[in-house]
Amino acid sequence: MREFLSKMVGKKINIFCGGPNFKGKVVKVDEGVVHMVNDDDQMFYVAVDRIIVVSEEHESEQKAGFITGFRK
């Protein structure tokens, strides 16, 4: 898992540890801890051995314009 997370440095990911999800950009992986920063620029740290699921966050591209199928 540590090697996998090391390849994710610089990418936004979602982490599930059995409780709440953690979302953020991976800054580094060091000594069994993933260092991440969220959208509010707050650093947080997750123990690698507690991680159950990791997924890469894909930003949905929103296009300006009308929304089809929307009715009032």
Foldseek 3Di string as FASTA:
>chain_A
DLVVVQVQAQFWKWWDQPDDIDIFHFPHRDPQKTWGAHPVRDIDIDGNVRTDDMDTDDDDDDDDDDDPPDDD
